[in-house]
Amino acid sequence: MSGKNHRMIDGKLLQTDKKYAHLKLKQKEKIAEWMYMETRNYYEKNYTFPNDKYIEDVVFKVYDKIMDADIWIPYGEVLKHYKKKRADINRRVKRSLNQYEEKKTETVCFMNMCMVQDDQGNVLALDKVNDSYTGTTFPGGHVEKEEIFSDSVIREVREETGLTIENPLLCGVYHWIKSGVHHVIFLYKANRFSGTLRSSEEGNVYWIPLNEFKEKELATGMEYVLQMMESCQVNECYMRLEDGKYIGSLY
């Protein structure tokens, strides 16, 4: 190689017309990874891939890593190679982000429960007779597809008790994971209602003083629900399975 194609840079005699193809395989692999990472960083920050105007924002950062790794290649060669491989890099970023999003998603089942109170210190109790969930609890049920959460608790209370509650107040979240599904119950309170009390196929409903309610054979987890209903500081309970039994942690 002629001396006119070399230049002394930082005390090193470097080939000024060196091509990207002249790099070693391991050097190319490193640079390819840096190009991918910097493109992904740009996308996650700007929600778009760099166009021709901003492409050098990415390439400059890649070139800094190349220099730090003591790899010599002219900047123009790196820029030209990035432009050549840009479509492939963008596709790789899209694939990686889609896989990441899939890992973040989960199957969720939304439900609700409401402590309905009158002005005499009573709460509305439901003696649940469902095979999978029995005991004394508060009325509530599942949120239907595309249903507003507050609408769902009004509907469930009406279906199970005959009463139409007004302005239910969200006061906590009770949740657990079972068989890969994250079950989430939104807990509400309500003290305004209308209608005539009646039971349903879900079980018998009746008014009972709160202190007597606590003495009933409560459904699983109701002791945690009551703590959240009566506390201003605690508004979340996560139930985890330990030795075959669900144990609650309050937050």
C-alpha atoms as a PDB file:
ATOM      1  CA  MET A   1       0.000   0.000   0.000  1.00  0.00           C
ATOM      2  CA  SER A   2       1.380   3.364  -0.977  1.00  0.00           C
ATOM      3  CA  GLY A   3       2.369   5.779   1.764  1.00  0.00           C
ATOM      4  CA  LYS A   4       0.103   8.419   0.275  1.00  0.00           C
ATOM      5  CA  ASN A   5      -2.867   6.317   1.382  1.00  0.00           C
ATOM      6  CA  HIS A   6      -1.736   6.398   5.017  1.00  0.00           C
ATOM      7  CA  ARG A   7      -1.898   9.106   7.613  1.00  0.00           C
ATOM      8  CA  MET A   8      -0.500   9.507  11.108  1.00  0.00           C
ATOM      9  CA  ILE A   9      -3.493   9.728  13.486  1.00  0.00           C
ATOM     10  CA  ASP A  10      -2.984   9.772  17.268  1.00  0.00           C
ATOM     11  CA  GLY A  11       0.513   8.444  16.818  1.00  0.00           C
ATOM     12  CA  LYS A  12      -0.618   5.589  14.573  1.00  0.00           C
ATOM     13  CA  LEU A  13      -0.040   5.151  10.846  1.00  0.00           C
ATOM     14  CA  LEU A  14      -3.543   4.414   9.561  1.00  0.00           C
ATOM     15  CA  GLN A  15      -4.832   3.509   6.116  1.00  0.00           C
ATOM     16  CA  THR A  16      -7.084   6.337   4.934  1.00  0.00           C
ATOM     17  CA  ASP A  17      -8.755   4.348   2.127  1.00  0.00           C
ATOM     18  CA  LYS A  18      -9.512   1.276   4.252  1.00  0.00           C
ATOM     19  CA  LYS A  19     -12.804  -0.349   3.270  1.00  0.00           C
ATOM     20  CA  TYR A  20     -15.428  -1.807   5.579  1.00  0.00           C
ATOM     21  CA  ALA A  21     -14.885  -5.165   3.906  1.00  0.00           C
ATOM     22  CA  HIS A  22     -11.274  -5.139   5.157  1.00  0.00           C
ATOM     23  CA  LEU A  23     -12.388  -5.386   8.795  1.00  0.00           C
ATOM     24  CA  LYS A  24     -12.054  -8.671  10.618  1.00  0.00           C
ATOM     25  CA  LEU A  25     -15.187 -10.751  11.170  1.00  0.00           C
ATOM     26  CA  LYS A  26     -15.241 -10.146  14.940  1.00  0.00           C
ATOM     27  CA  GLN A  27     -14.904  -6.405  14.367  1.00  0.00           C
ATOM     28  CA  LYS A  28     -17.844  -6.459  11.950  1.00  0.00           C
ATOM     29  CA  GLU A  29     -19.930  -8.400  14.461  1.00  0.00           C
ATOM     30  CA  LYS A  30     -19.207  -5.863  17.195  1.00  0.00           C
ATOM     31  CA  ILE A  31     -20.093  -2.938  14.950  1.00  0.00           C
ATOM     32  CA  ALA A  32     -23.291  -4.660  13.775  1.00  0.00           C
ATOM     33  CA  GLU A  33     -24.366  -5.044  17.413  1.00  0.00           C
ATOM     34  CA  TRP A  34     -23.584  -1.396  18.179  1.00  0.00           C
ATOM     35  CA  MET A  35     -25.591  -0.292  15.136  1.00  0.00           C
ATOM     36  CA  TYR A  36     -28.536  -2.371  16.331  1.00  0.00           C
ATOM     37  CA  MET A  37     -28.343  -1.106  19.923  1.00  0.00           C
ATOM     38  CA  GLU A  38     -28.009   2.570  19.001  1.00  0.00           C
ATOM     39  CA  THR A  39     -30.871   2.290  16.484  1.00  0.00           C
ATOM     40  CA  ARG A  40     -33.050   0.656  19.135  1.00  0.00           C
ATOM     41  CA  ASN A  41     -32.131   3.362  21.648  1.00  0.00           C
ATOM     42  CA  TYR A  42     -33.075   6.035  19.115  1.00  0.00           C
ATOM     43  CA  TYR A  43     -36.412   4.328  18.376  1.00  0.00           C
ATOM     44  CA  GLU A  44     -37.320   3.894  22.051  1.00  0.00           C
ATOM     45  CA  LYS A  45     -36.575   7.575  22.670  1.00  0.00           C
ATOM     46  CA  ASN A  46     -38.224   9.039  19.561  1.00  0.00           C
ATOM     47  CA  TYR A  47     -40.823   6.358  18.645  1.00  0.00           C
ATOM     48  CA  THR A  48     -39.525   6.346  15.083  1.00  0.00           C
ATOM     49  CA  PHE A  49     -36.455   5.245  13.163  1.00  0.00           C
ATOM     50  CA  PRO A  50     -33.856   7.851  12.145  1.00  0.00           C
ATOM     51  CA  ASN A  51     -34.468   9.272   8.681  1.00  0.00           C
ATOM     52  CA  ASP A  52     -31.776  10.667   6.383  1.00  0.00           C
ATOM     53  CA  LYS A  53     -31.706  13.923   8.362  1.00  0.00           C
ATOM     54  CA  TYR A  54     -30.990  12.230  11.696  1.00  0.00           C
ATOM     55  CA  ILE A  55     -29.182   9.089  10.635  1.00  0.00           C
ATOM     56  CA  GLU A  56     -25.822  10.495  11.716  1.00  0.00           C
ATOM     57  CA  ASP A  57     -27.149  10.916  15.268  1.00  0.00           C
ATOM     58  CA  VAL A  58     -26.935   7.141  15.419  1.00  0.00           C
ATOM     59  CA  VAL A  59     -23.786   6.659  13.358  1.00  0.00           C
ATOM     60  CA  PHE A  60     -21.795   9.180  15.440  1.00  0.00           C
ATOM     61  CA  LYS A  61     -22.555   7.168  18.585  1.00  0.00           C
ATOM     62  CA  VAL A  62     -21.594   3.946  16.843  1.00  0.00           C
ATOM     63  CA  TYR A  63     -18.351   5.524  15.644  1.00  0.00           C
ATOM     64  CA  ASP A  64     -17.494   6.630  19.180  1.00  0.00           C
ATOM     65  CA  LYS A  65     -17.736   2.984  20.262  1.00  0.00           C
ATOM     66  CA  ILE A  66     -15.568   1.954  17.320  1.00  0.00           C
ATOM     67  CA  MET A  67     -12.899   4.447  18.336  1.00  0.00           C
ATOM     68  CA  ASP A  68     -13.104   3.397  22.000  1.00  0.00           C
ATOM     69  CA  ALA A  69     -12.555  -0.208  20.891  1.00  0.00           C
ATOM     70  CA  ASP A  70      -9.427   0.882  19.002  1.00  0.00           C
ATOM     71  CA  ILE A  71     -10.834  -0.263  15.663  1.00  0.00           C
ATOM     72  CA  TRP A  72      -9.722   1.784  12.687  1.00  0.00           C
ATOM     73  CA  ILE A  73     -12.130   2.409   9.836  1.00  0.00           C
ATOM     74  CA  PRO A  74     -12.903   5.772   8.205  1.00  0.00           C
ATOM     75  CA  TYR A  75     -16.158   7.358   9.353  1.00  0.00           C
ATOM     76  CA  GLY A  76     -17.463   7.518   5.785  1.00  0.00           C
ATOM     77  CA  GLU A  77     -17.211   3.738   5.488  1.00  0.00           C
ATOM     78  CA  VAL A  78     -19.240   3.258   8.657  1.00  0.00           C
ATOM     79  CA  LEU A  79     -21.904   5.702   7.463  1.00  0.00           C
ATOM     80  CA  LYS A  80     -22.095   4.032   4.064  1.00  0.00           C
ATOM     81  CA  HIS A  81     -22.404   0.574   5.628  1.00  0.00           C
ATOM     82  CA  TYR A  82     -25.145   1.724   8.022  1.00  0.00           C
ATOM     83  CA  LYS A  83     -27.169   3.165   5.149  1.00  0.00           C
ATOM     84  CA  LYS A  84     -26.753  -0.116   3.271  1.00  0.00           C
ATOM     85  CA  LYS A  85     -27.906  -2.199   6.233  1.00  0.00           C
ATOM     86  CA  ARG A  86     -30.484   0.241   7.647  1.00  0.00           C
ATOM     87  CA  ALA A  87     -33.560  -1.702   6.528  1.00  0.00           C
ATOM     88  CA  ASP A  88     -32.215  -4.938   8.038  1.00  0.00           C
ATOM     89  CA  ILE A  89     -31.318  -3.159  11.296  1.00  0.00           C
ATOM     90  CA  ASN A  90     -34.767  -1.587  11.536  1.00  0.00           C
ATOM     91  CA  ARG A  91     -36.438  -4.974  11.013  1.00  0.00           C
ATOM     92  CA  ARG A  92     -34.292  -6.502  13.744  1.00  0.00           C
ATOM     93  CA  VAL A  93     -35.255  -3.712  16.131  1.00  0.00           C
ATOM     94  CA  LYS A  94     -38.956  -4.222  15.361  1.00  0.00           C
ATOM     95  CA  ARG A  95     -38.672  -7.966  16.003  1.00  0.00           C
ATOM     96  CA  SER A  96     -36.870  -7.465  19.294  1.00  0.00           C
ATOM     97  CA  LEU A  97     -39.380  -4.869  20.518  1.00  0.00           C
ATOM     98  CA  ASN A  98     -42.333  -7.082  19.572  1.00  0.00           C
ATOM     99  CA  GLN A  99     -40.829  -9.969  21.536  1.00  0.00           C
ATOM    100  CA  TYR A 100     -40.254  -7.619  24.470  1.00  0.00           C
ATOM    101  CA  GLU A 101     -43.860  -6.412  24.358  1.00  0.00           C
ATOM    102  CA  GLU A 102     -45.112 -10.001  24.304  1.00  0.00           C
ATOM    103  CA  LYS A 103     -43.166 -10.728  27.475  1.00  0.00           C
ATOM    104  CA  LYS A 104     -44.744  -7.692  29.176  1.00  0.00           C
ATOM    105  CA  THR A 105     -48.319  -8.701  28.410  1.00  0.00           C
ATOM    106  CA  GLU A 106     -50.401 -11.141  30.413  1.00  0.00           C
ATOM    107  CA  THR A 107     -53.906 -12.531  30.560  1.00  0.00           C
ATOM    108  CA  VAL A 108     -56.007 -10.592  33.069  1.00  0.00           C
ATOM    109  CA  CYS A 109     -59.456 -11.234  34.533  1.00  0.00           C
ATOM    110  CA  PHE A 110     -61.116  -8.080  35.931  1.00  0.00           C
ATOM    111  CA  MET A 111     -63.730  -8.316  38.693  1.00  0.00           C
ATOM    112  CA  ASN A 112     -65.355  -6.079  41.280  1.00  0.00           C
ATOM    113  CA  MET A 113     -66.781  -6.150  44.800  1.00  0.00           C
ATOM    114  CA  CYS A 114     -68.733  -3.507  46.685  1.00  0.00           C
ATOM    115  CA  MET A 115     -69.364  -2.879  50.375  1.00  0.00           C
ATOM    116  CA  VAL A 116     -72.816  -1.294  50.366  1.00  0.00           C
ATOM    117  CA  GLN A 117     -73.580   0.547  53.622  1.00  0.00           C
ATOM    118  CA  ASP A 118     -76.771   2.048  54.993  1.00  0.00           C
ATOM    119  CA  ASP A 119     -77.049   4.910  57.502  1.00  0.00           C
ATOM    120  CA  GLN A 120     -77.512   2.565  60.486  1.00  0.00           C
ATOM    121  CA  GLY A 121     -74.117   0.848  60.502  1.00  0.00           C
ATOM    122  CA  ASN A 122     -75.195  -2.135  58.430  1.00  0.00           C
ATOM    123  CA  VAL A 123     -73.517  -3.637  55.379  1.00  0.00           C
ATOM    124  CA  LEU A 124     -75.076  -5.688  52.620  1.00  0.00           C
ATOM    125  CA  ALA A 125     -73.942  -9.326  52.974  1.00  0.00           C
ATOM    126  CA  LEU A 126     -74.072 -12.095  50.368  1.00  0.00           C
ATOM    127  CA  ASP A 127     -73.906 -15.765  51.365  1.00  0.00           C
ATOM    128  CA  LYS A 128     -72.194 -17.046  48.238  1.00  0.00           C
ATOM    129  CA  VAL A 129     -73.239 -20.516  47.045  1.00  0.00           C
ATOM    130  CA  ASN A 130     -70.970 -20.772  44.022  1.00  0.00           C
ATOM    131  CA  ASP A 131     -69.101 -24.107  44.014  1.00  0.00           C
ATOM    132  CA  SER A 132     -65.705 -22.428  43.551  1.00  0.00           C
ATOM    133  CA  TYR A 133     -66.211 -19.559  46.010  1.00  0.00           C
ATOM    134  CA  THR A 134     -68.379 -19.998  49.098  1.00  0.00           C
ATOM    135  CA  GLY A 135     -68.908 -18.094  52.325  1.00  0.00           C
ATOM    136  CA  THR A 136     -70.153 -14.660  53.321  1.00  0.00           C
ATOM    137  CA  THR A 137     -68.872 -11.833  51.151  1.00  0.00           C
ATOM    138  CA  PHE A 138     -69.946  -8.594  49.471  1.00  0.00           C
ATOM    139  CA  PRO A 139     -71.817  -8.484  46.152  1.00  0.00           C
ATOM    140  CA  GLY A 140     -69.813  -8.214  42.959  1.00  0.00           C
ATOM    141  CA  GLY A 141     -68.701 -10.122  39.891  1.00  0.00           C
ATOM    142  CA  HIS A 142     -66.873 -10.018  36.580  1.00  0.00           C
ATOM    143  CA  VAL A 143     -66.250  -7.025  34.344  1.00  0.00           C
ATOM    144  CA  GLU A 144     -67.623  -7.709  30.892  1.00  0.00           C
ATOM    145  CA  LYS A 145     -65.703  -7.039  27.680  1.00  0.00           C
ATOM    146  CA  GLU A 146     -65.212  -3.300  26.996  1.00  0.00           C
ATOM    147  CA  GLU A 147     -67.278  -2.420  30.085  1.00  0.00           C
ATOM    148  CA  ILE A 148     -66.441   0.634  32.208  1.00  0.00           C
ATOM    149  CA  PHE A 149     -65.284  -0.521  35.648  1.00  0.00           C
ATOM    150  CA  SER A 150     -67.695   1.661  37.633  1.00  0.00           C
ATOM    151  CA  ASP A 151     -70.571   0.622  35.360  1.00  0.00           C
ATOM    152  CA  SER A 152     -69.702  -3.026  35.939  1.00  0.00           C
ATOM    153  CA  VAL A 153     -69.914  -2.811  39.734  1.00  0.00           C
ATOM    154  CA  ILE A 154     -73.269  -0.981  39.523  1.00  0.00           C
ATOM    155  CA  ARG A 155     -74.562  -3.700  37.205  1.00  0.00           C
ATOM    156  CA  GLU A 156     -73.280  -6.576  39.363  1.00  0.00           C
ATOM    157  CA  VAL A 157     -74.746  -5.176  42.575  1.00  0.00           C
ATOM    158  CA  ARG A 158     -78.098  -4.633  40.857  1.00  0.00           C
ATOM    159  CA  GLU A 159     -78.119  -8.189  39.447  1.00  0.00           C
ATOM    160  CA  GLU A 160     -77.226  -9.794  42.795  1.00  0.00           C
ATOM    161  CA  THR A 161     -79.223  -7.595  45.201  1.00  0.00           C
ATOM    162  CA  GLY A 162     -81.868  -5.667  43.297  1.00  0.00           C
ATOM    163  CA  LEU A 163     -80.357  -2.371  44.477  1.00  0.00           C
ATOM    164  CA  THR A 164     -78.933   0.306  42.195  1.00  0.00           C
ATOM    165  CA  ILE A 165     -75.960   1.980  43.858  1.00  0.00           C
ATOM    166  CA  GLU A 166     -74.848   5.524  43.053  1.00  0.00           C
ATOM    167  CA  ASN A 167     -71.316   6.949  42.779  1.00  0.00           C
ATOM    168  CA  PRO A 168     -69.361   3.864  43.897  1.00  0.00           C
ATOM    169  CA  LEU A 169     -66.015   4.881  45.410  1.00  0.00           C
ATOM    170  CA  LEU A 170     -62.945   2.871  44.391  1.00  0.00           C
ATOM    171  CA  CYS A 171     -60.972   2.111  47.550  1.00  0.00           C
ATOM    172  CA  GLY A 172     -58.640  -0.779  46.794  1.00  0.00           C
ATOM    173  CA  VAL A 173     -57.359  -3.576  44.595  1.00  0.00           C
ATOM    174  CA  TYR A 174     -57.233  -7.256  45.532  1.00  0.00           C
ATOM    175  CA  HIS A 175     -55.349  -9.543  43.155  1.00  0.00           C
ATOM    176  CA  TRP A 176     -53.662 -12.911  42.660  1.00  0.00           C
ATOM    177  CA  ILE A 177     -52.249 -15.112  39.894  1.00  0.00           C
ATOM    178  CA  LYS A 178     -53.602 -18.577  39.181  1.00  0.00           C
ATOM    179  CA  SER A 179     -52.987 -20.863  36.195  1.00  0.00           C
ATOM    180  CA  GLY A 180     -51.224 -18.057  34.318  1.00  0.00           C
ATOM    181  CA  VAL A 181     -54.125 -15.614  34.722  1.00  0.00           C
ATOM    182  CA  HIS A 182     -53.832 -12.411  36.765  1.00  0.00           C
ATOM    183  CA  HIS A 183     -57.121 -12.009  38.631  1.00  0.00           C
ATOM    184  CA  VAL A 184     -57.837  -8.432  39.724  1.00  0.00           C
ATOM    185  CA  ILE A 185     -60.767  -7.345  41.910  1.00  0.00           C
ATOM    186  CA  PHE A 186     -61.544  -3.635  42.192  1.00  0.00           C
ATOM    187  CA  LEU A 187     -62.998  -2.882  45.626  1.00  0.00           C
ATOM    188  CA  TYR A 188     -65.686  -0.233  45.995  1.00  0.00           C
ATOM    189  CA  LYS A 189     -67.828   1.367  48.689  1.00  0.00           C
ATOM    190  CA  ALA A 190     -71.292   2.845  48.251  1.00  0.00           C
ATOM    191  CA  ASN A 191     -73.779   4.414  50.680  1.00  0.00           C
ATOM    192  CA  ARG A 192     -76.375   5.728  48.247  1.00  0.00           C
ATOM    193  CA  PHE A 193     -78.752   3.328  46.553  1.00  0.00           C
ATOM    194  CA  SER A 194     -82.318   2.767  45.436  1.00  0.00           C
ATOM    195  CA  GLY A 195     -84.540  -0.212  44.722  1.00  0.00           C
ATOM    196  CA  THR A 196     -85.920  -3.201  46.624  1.00  0.00           C
ATOM    197  CA  LEU A 197     -83.600  -5.781  48.159  1.00  0.00           C
ATOM    198  CA  ARG A 198     -83.893  -9.276  46.718  1.00  0.00           C
ATOM    199  CA  SER A 199     -81.660 -12.346  46.565  1.00  0.00           C
ATOM    200  CA  SER A 200     -80.451 -14.042  43.380  1.00  0.00           C
ATOM    201  CA  GLU A 201     -79.049 -17.354  42.240  1.00  0.00           C
ATOM    202  CA  GLU A 202     -75.687 -16.149  43.550  1.00  0.00           C
ATOM    203  CA  GLY A 203     -76.953 -16.493  47.132  1.00  0.00           C
ATOM    204  CA  ASN A 204     -78.995 -14.891  49.888  1.00  0.00           C
ATOM    205  CA  VAL A 205     -78.472 -11.162  50.507  1.00  0.00           C
ATOM    206  CA  TYR A 206     -79.366  -9.297  53.704  1.00  0.00           C
ATOM    207  CA  TRP A 207     -78.427  -6.338  55.901  1.00  0.00           C
ATOM    208  CA  ILE A 208     -76.203  -7.053  58.889  1.00  0.00           C
ATOM    209  CA  PRO A 209     -74.190  -4.894  61.338  1.00  0.00           C
ATOM    210  CA  LEU A 210     -70.566  -4.712  60.269  1.00  0.00           C
ATOM    211  CA  ASN A 211     -69.284  -6.165  63.557  1.00  0.00           C
ATOM    212  CA  GLU A 212     -71.590  -9.177  63.114  1.00  0.00           C
ATOM    213  CA  PHE A 213     -70.538  -9.536  59.479  1.00  0.00           C
ATOM    214  CA  LYS A 214     -66.962 -10.019  60.675  1.00  0.00           C
ATOM    215  CA  GLU A 215     -68.057 -12.954  62.842  1.00  0.00           C
ATOM    216  CA  LYS A 216     -69.598 -14.846  59.923  1.00  0.00           C
ATOM    217  CA  GLU A 217     -67.892 -17.692  58.056  1.00  0.00           C
ATOM    218  CA  LEU A 218     -66.286 -15.382  55.546  1.00  0.00           C
ATOM    219  CA  ALA A 219     -65.266 -16.290  52.017  1.00  0.00           C
ATOM    220  CA  THR A 220     -61.540 -16.663  51.320  1.00  0.00           C
ATOM    221  CA  GLY A 221     -59.611 -13.407  51.578  1.00  0.00           C
ATOM    222  CA  MET A 222     -62.419 -11.338  53.051  1.00  0.00           C
ATOM    223  CA  GLU A 223     -60.361 -10.484  56.114  1.00  0.00           C
ATOM    224  CA  TYR A 224     -57.960  -8.609  53.800  1.00  0.00           C
ATOM    225  CA  VAL A 225     -60.831  -6.971  51.939  1.00  0.00           C
ATOM    226  CA  LEU A 226     -62.260  -5.660  55.204  1.00  0.00           C
ATOM    227  CA  GLN A 227     -58.894  -4.192  56.220  1.00  0.00           C
ATOM    228  CA  MET A 228     -58.723  -2.240  52.960  1.00  0.00           C
ATOM    229  CA  MET A 229     -62.353  -1.141  53.204  1.00  0.00           C
ATOM    230  CA  GLU A 230     -61.748   0.300  56.673  1.00  0.00           C
ATOM    231  CA  SER A 231     -58.253   1.751  56.145  1.00  0.00           C
ATOM    232  CA  CYS A 232     -57.181   5.045  54.602  1.00  0.00           C
ATOM    233  CA  GLN A 233     -53.563   3.880  54.225  1.00  0.00           C
ATOM    234  CA  VAL A 234     -53.943   0.358  52.790  1.00  0.00           C
ATOM    235  CA  ASN A 235     -55.385   0.019  49.293  1.00  0.00           C
ATOM    236  CA  GLU A 236     -53.803  -3.076  47.742  1.00  0.00           C
ATOM    237  CA  CYS A 237     -53.648  -6.755  48.627  1.00  0.00           C
ATOM    238  CA  TYR A 238     -51.660  -9.317  46.664  1.00  0.00           C
ATOM    239  CA  MET A 239     -52.366 -12.971  47.388  1.00  0.00           C
ATOM    240  CA  ARG A 240     -49.448 -15.366  46.822  1.00  0.00           C
ATOM    241  CA  LEU A 241     -49.546 -19.136  47.002  1.00  0.00           C
ATOM    242  CA  GLU A 242     -47.375 -20.584  49.780  1.00  0.00           C
ATOM    243  CA  ASP A 243     -47.439 -24.285  50.682  1.00  0.00           C
ATOM    244  CA  GLY A 244     -50.758 -24.744  48.893  1.00  0.00           C
ATOM    245  CA  LYS A 245     -52.432 -21.825  50.674  1.00  0.00           C
ATOM    246  CA  TYR A 246     -52.939 -18.227  49.570  1.00  0.00           C
ATOM    247  CA  ILE A 247     -51.350 -15.657  51.892  1.00  0.00           C
ATOM    248  CA  GLY A 248     -52.103 -11.952  51.517  1.00  0.00           C
ATOM    249  CA  SER A 249     -49.712  -9.020  51.655  1.00  0.00           C
ATOM    250  CA  LEU A 250     -51.145  -5.541  52.186  1.00  0.00           C
ATOM    251  CA  TYR A 251     -49.675  -2.395  50.636  1.00  0.00           C
END
